[in-house]
Amino acid sequence: MKDEHEEEVKIVSIYEIDKEDYCQPLIDYLEHEKLPSESKNKTKIQQGASSFLCTKGTLYQSSFLSLWLRCLDEEEQIQVIGRAYVGI
């Protein structure tokens, strides 16, 4: 028997499965020499890969001053931007 104050709550979770991280094709190419099926993207990745480095699944891009900058996924980008605005 249900108590008068009990309510049934249904929770719906949504996950984006097919959303591809912009870094993943570069990581695949640098670690496994795997290229996407689209020829336009193949050329773009091959040409741009020389300015990237992948270490332990983390992607870095060489900057103009030869510093290695870590590439962030979408969630990390939002956190960094949020922290920057809080600090202003």
N, C-alpha and C. Protein backbone atom coordinates (compact mmCIF):
# COMPACT_ATOMS: atom_id res chain seq x y z
N MET A 1 0.84 -1.17 0.00
CA MET A 1 0.00 0.00 0.00
C MET A 1 0.89 1.25 0.00
N LYS A 2 0.53 2.22 -0.85
CA LYS A 2 1.33 3.44 -0.95
C LYS A 2 0.86 4.46 0.07
N ASP A 3 1.83 5.17 0.61
CA ASP A 3 1.54 6.26 1.53
C ASP A 3 0.97 7.42 0.73
N GLU A 4 0.19 8.28 1.36
CA GLU A 4 -0.43 9.42 0.67
C GLU A 4 0.60 10.36 0.07
N HIS A 5 1.74 10.48 0.68
CA HIS A 5 2.74 11.45 0.26
C HIS A 5 3.76 10.91 -0.73
N GLU A 6 3.67 9.63 -1.03
CA GLU A 6 4.60 9.05 -1.98
C GLU A 6 4.16 9.34 -3.40
N GLU A 7 5.11 9.69 -4.23
CA GLU A 7 4.84 9.94 -5.64
C GLU A 7 5.76 9.07 -6.48
N GLU A 8 5.27 8.66 -7.62
CA GLU A 8 6.11 7.91 -8.54
C GLU A 8 6.81 8.90 -9.45
N VAL A 9 8.13 8.78 -9.54
CA VAL A 9 8.93 9.69 -10.35
C VAL A 9 9.60 8.89 -11.45
N LYS A 10 9.47 9.37 -12.68
CA LYS A 10 10.12 8.74 -13.81
C LYS A 10 11.24 9.64 -14.28
N ILE A 11 12.42 9.06 -14.50
CA ILE A 11 13.58 9.82 -14.93
C ILE A 11 13.97 9.37 -16.33
N VAL A 12 14.21 10.34 -17.19
CA VAL A 12 14.62 10.05 -18.56
C VAL A 12 16.02 10.61 -18.75
N SER A 13 16.92 9.78 -19.25
CA SER A 13 18.29 10.21 -19.54
C SER A 13 18.51 10.13 -21.04
N ILE A 14 19.18 11.15 -21.58
CA ILE A 14 19.47 11.18 -23.01
C ILE A 14 20.99 11.24 -23.18
N TYR A 15 21.49 10.34 -24.01
CA TYR A 15 22.92 10.30 -24.30
C TYR A 15 23.11 10.44 -25.80
N GLU A 16 24.05 11.27 -26.20
CA GLU A 16 24.37 11.41 -27.62
C GLU A 16 25.42 10.36 -27.97
N ILE A 17 25.00 9.37 -28.75
CA ILE A 17 25.89 8.26 -29.07
C ILE A 17 26.72 8.56 -30.31
N ASP A 18 26.10 9.10 -31.34
CA ASP A 18 26.78 9.28 -32.62
C ASP A 18 27.55 10.59 -32.71
N LYS A 19 27.57 11.37 -31.66
CA LYS A 19 28.29 12.64 -31.70
C LYS A 19 29.78 12.36 -31.59
N GLU A 20 30.53 12.78 -32.60
CA GLU A 20 31.96 12.50 -32.63
C GLU A 20 32.75 13.72 -32.18
N ASP A 21 33.69 13.47 -31.32
CA ASP A 21 34.57 14.52 -30.84
C ASP A 21 35.48 14.96 -31.99
N TYR A 22 35.75 16.24 -32.11
CA TYR A 22 36.56 16.74 -33.22
C TYR A 22 37.99 16.23 -33.14
N CYS A 23 38.44 15.82 -31.98
CA CYS A 23 39.80 15.33 -31.79
C CYS A 23 39.95 13.87 -32.19
N GLN A 24 38.89 13.10 -32.13
CA GLN A 24 39.00 11.65 -32.31
C GLN A 24 39.59 11.23 -33.65
N PRO A 25 39.19 11.82 -34.79
CA PRO A 25 39.82 11.42 -36.05
C PRO A 25 41.34 11.66 -36.07
N LEU A 26 41.80 12.73 -35.46
CA LEU A 26 43.24 13.00 -35.38
C LEU A 26 43.94 11.98 -34.49
N ILE A 27 43.33 11.65 -33.37
CA ILE A 27 43.90 10.65 -32.47
C ILE A 27 43.99 9.30 -33.17
N ASP A 28 42.91 8.92 -33.88
CA ASP A 28 42.91 7.65 -34.61
C ASP A 28 44.02 7.61 -35.66
N TYR A 29 44.22 8.73 -36.34
CA TYR A 29 45.26 8.78 -37.37
C TYR A 29 46.66 8.72 -36.75
N LEU A 30 46.89 9.50 -35.70
CA LEU A 30 48.22 9.55 -35.10
C LEU A 30 48.60 8.26 -34.38
N GLU A 31 47.63 7.61 -33.75
CA GLU A 31 47.94 6.40 -33.00
C GLU A 31 47.87 5.13 -33.85
N HIS A 32 46.90 5.07 -34.79
CA HIS A 32 46.65 3.82 -35.51
C HIS A 32 46.71 3.98 -37.03
N GLU A 33 47.02 5.19 -37.52
CA GLU A 33 47.02 5.49 -38.96
C GLU A 33 45.69 5.15 -39.62
N LYS A 34 44.61 5.35 -38.88
CA LYS A 34 43.26 5.09 -39.37
C LYS A 34 42.64 6.40 -39.85
N LEU A 35 42.10 6.39 -41.07
CA LEU A 35 41.50 7.59 -41.65
C LEU A 35 40.00 7.39 -41.84
N PRO A 36 39.21 8.49 -41.80
CA PRO A 36 37.77 8.38 -42.05
C PRO A 36 37.50 8.02 -43.51
N SER A 37 36.28 7.59 -43.80
CA SER A 37 35.96 7.13 -45.15
C SER A 37 35.80 8.27 -46.16
N GLU A 38 35.44 9.47 -45.72
CA GLU A 38 35.26 10.60 -46.65
C GLU A 38 36.62 11.10 -47.12
N SER A 39 36.79 11.21 -48.44
CA SER A 39 38.09 11.61 -48.99
C SER A 39 38.47 13.04 -48.61
N LYS A 40 37.47 13.91 -48.47
CA LYS A 40 37.74 15.30 -48.08
C LYS A 40 38.37 15.35 -46.69
N ASN A 41 37.84 14.57 -45.77
CA ASN A 41 38.36 14.54 -44.41
C ASN A 41 39.71 13.84 -44.33
N LYS A 42 39.95 12.86 -45.19
CA LYS A 42 41.24 12.16 -45.20
C LYS A 42 42.37 13.14 -45.46
N THR A 43 42.22 13.94 -46.50
CA THR A 43 43.26 14.90 -46.88
C THR A 43 43.45 15.94 -45.78
N LYS A 44 42.36 16.42 -45.23
CA LYS A 44 42.42 17.45 -44.19
C LYS A 44 43.17 16.93 -42.96
N ILE A 45 42.88 15.70 -42.56
CA ILE A 45 43.54 15.12 -41.39
C ILE A 45 45.02 14.86 -41.66
N GLN A 46 45.34 14.32 -42.82
CA GLN A 46 46.74 14.03 -43.15
C GLN A 46 47.58 15.31 -43.19
N GLN A 47 47.02 16.37 -43.75
CA GLN A 47 47.77 17.63 -43.85
C GLN A 47 47.92 18.31 -42.49
N GLY A 48 46.90 18.23 -41.66
CA GLY A 48 46.95 18.91 -40.37
C GLY A 48 47.64 18.13 -39.27
N ALA A 49 47.84 16.85 -39.47
CA ALA A 49 48.38 15.99 -38.41
C ALA A 49 49.80 16.36 -38.01
N SER A 50 50.54 17.01 -38.88
CA SER A 50 51.94 17.33 -38.55
C SER A 50 52.07 18.34 -37.41
N SER A 51 51.02 19.09 -37.12
CA SER A 51 51.09 20.06 -36.02
C SER A 51 50.47 19.52 -34.74
N PHE A 52 50.15 18.21 -34.70
CA PHE A 52 49.54 17.59 -33.53
C PHE A 52 50.43 16.48 -33.00
N LEU A 53 50.27 16.19 -31.71
CA LEU A 53 50.97 15.12 -31.04
C LEU A 53 49.95 14.41 -30.15
N CYS A 54 49.97 13.09 -30.15
CA CYS A 54 49.05 12.33 -29.31
C CYS A 54 49.87 11.48 -28.35
N THR A 55 49.63 11.67 -27.06
CA THR A 55 50.32 10.91 -26.02
C THR A 55 49.30 10.36 -25.05
N LYS A 56 49.26 9.03 -24.92
CA LYS A 56 48.34 8.35 -24.00
C LYS A 56 46.90 8.77 -24.23
N GLY A 57 46.50 8.93 -25.48
CA GLY A 57 45.13 9.29 -25.81
C GLY A 57 44.78 10.76 -25.65
N THR A 58 45.76 11.59 -25.31
CA THR A 58 45.54 13.03 -25.16
C THR A 58 46.18 13.74 -26.34
N LEU A 59 45.41 14.62 -26.95
CA LEU A 59 45.86 15.32 -28.16
C LEU A 59 46.41 16.70 -27.80
N TYR A 60 47.56 17.03 -28.36
CA TYR A 60 48.20 18.34 -28.16
C TYR A 60 48.45 18.96 -29.53
N GLN A 61 48.34 20.29 -29.60
CA GLN A 61 48.63 21.01 -30.84
C GLN A 61 49.78 21.98 -30.59
N SER A 62 50.70 22.03 -31.54
CA SER A 62 51.83 22.94 -31.44
C SER A 62 51.36 24.36 -31.72
N SER A 63 51.74 25.29 -30.86
CA SER A 63 51.37 26.68 -31.05
C SER A 63 52.43 27.41 -31.86
N PHE A 64 52.17 28.65 -32.17
CA PHE A 64 53.09 29.48 -32.93
C PHE A 64 54.45 29.62 -32.23
N LEU A 65 54.43 29.63 -30.90
CA LEU A 65 55.66 29.78 -30.11
C LEU A 65 56.26 28.44 -29.73
N SER A 66 55.86 27.38 -30.41
CA SER A 66 56.35 26.01 -30.17
C SER A 66 55.97 25.45 -28.80
N LEU A 67 54.89 25.95 -28.23
CA LEU A 67 54.35 25.39 -27.00
C LEU A 67 53.32 24.33 -27.39
N TRP A 68 53.19 23.28 -26.59
CA TRP A 68 52.19 22.25 -26.87
C TRP A 68 50.95 22.55 -26.05
N LEU A 69 49.83 22.76 -26.73
CA LEU A 69 48.56 23.10 -26.09
C LEU A 69 47.65 21.88 -26.12
N ARG A 70 47.07 21.55 -24.97
CA ARG A 70 46.20 20.38 -24.89
C ARG A 70 44.85 20.69 -25.51
N CYS A 71 44.37 19.81 -26.38
CA CYS A 71 43.06 19.96 -27.00
C CYS A 71 42.00 19.49 -26.01
N LEU A 72 40.94 20.26 -25.85
CA LEU A 72 39.89 19.96 -24.87
C LEU A 72 38.66 19.43 -25.58
N ASP A 73 37.96 18.49 -24.92
CA ASP A 73 36.68 18.06 -25.47
C ASP A 73 35.62 19.09 -25.09
N GLU A 74 34.40 18.91 -25.57
CA GLU A 74 33.35 19.91 -25.40
C GLU A 74 33.04 20.19 -23.93
N GLU A 75 33.00 19.15 -23.11
CA GLU A 75 32.70 19.32 -21.69
C GLU A 75 33.80 20.12 -20.99
N GLU A 76 35.05 19.81 -21.30
CA GLU A 76 36.18 20.54 -20.70
C GLU A 76 36.19 22.00 -21.15
N GLN A 77 35.82 22.26 -22.40
CA GLN A 77 35.76 23.63 -22.91
C GLN A 77 34.76 24.45 -22.10
N ILE A 78 33.60 23.87 -21.83
CA ILE A 78 32.56 24.56 -21.06
C ILE A 78 33.05 24.86 -19.65
N GLN A 79 33.73 23.90 -19.04
CA GLN A 79 34.26 24.11 -17.67
C GLN A 79 35.30 25.22 -17.64
N VAL A 80 36.20 25.23 -18.62
CA VAL A 80 37.26 26.25 -18.66
C VAL A 80 36.65 27.64 -18.87
N ILE A 81 35.71 27.75 -19.78
CA ILE A 81 35.07 29.04 -20.04
C ILE A 81 34.30 29.51 -18.80
N GLY A 82 33.63 28.58 -18.13
CA GLY A 82 32.91 28.92 -16.90
C GLY A 82 33.84 29.43 -15.82
N ARG A 83 34.99 28.77 -15.66
CA ARG A 83 35.97 29.21 -14.66
C ARG A 83 36.54 30.58 -15.01
N ALA A 84 36.74 30.83 -16.29
CA ALA A 84 37.27 32.14 -16.70
C ALA A 84 36.29 33.24 -16.40
N TYR A 85 35.00 33.00 -16.62
CA TYR A 85 33.99 34.03 -16.34
C TYR A 85 33.81 34.26 -14.85
N VAL A 86 33.95 33.23 -14.04
CA VAL A 86 33.84 33.38 -12.60
C VAL A 86 34.99 34.24 -12.07
N GLY A 87 36.16 34.09 -12.68
CA GLY A 87 37.34 34.83 -12.24
C GLY A 87 37.35 36.29 -12.65
N ILE A 88 36.46 36.70 -13.55
CA ILE A 88 36.45 38.08 -14.03
C ILE A 88 35.83 38.99 -13.00
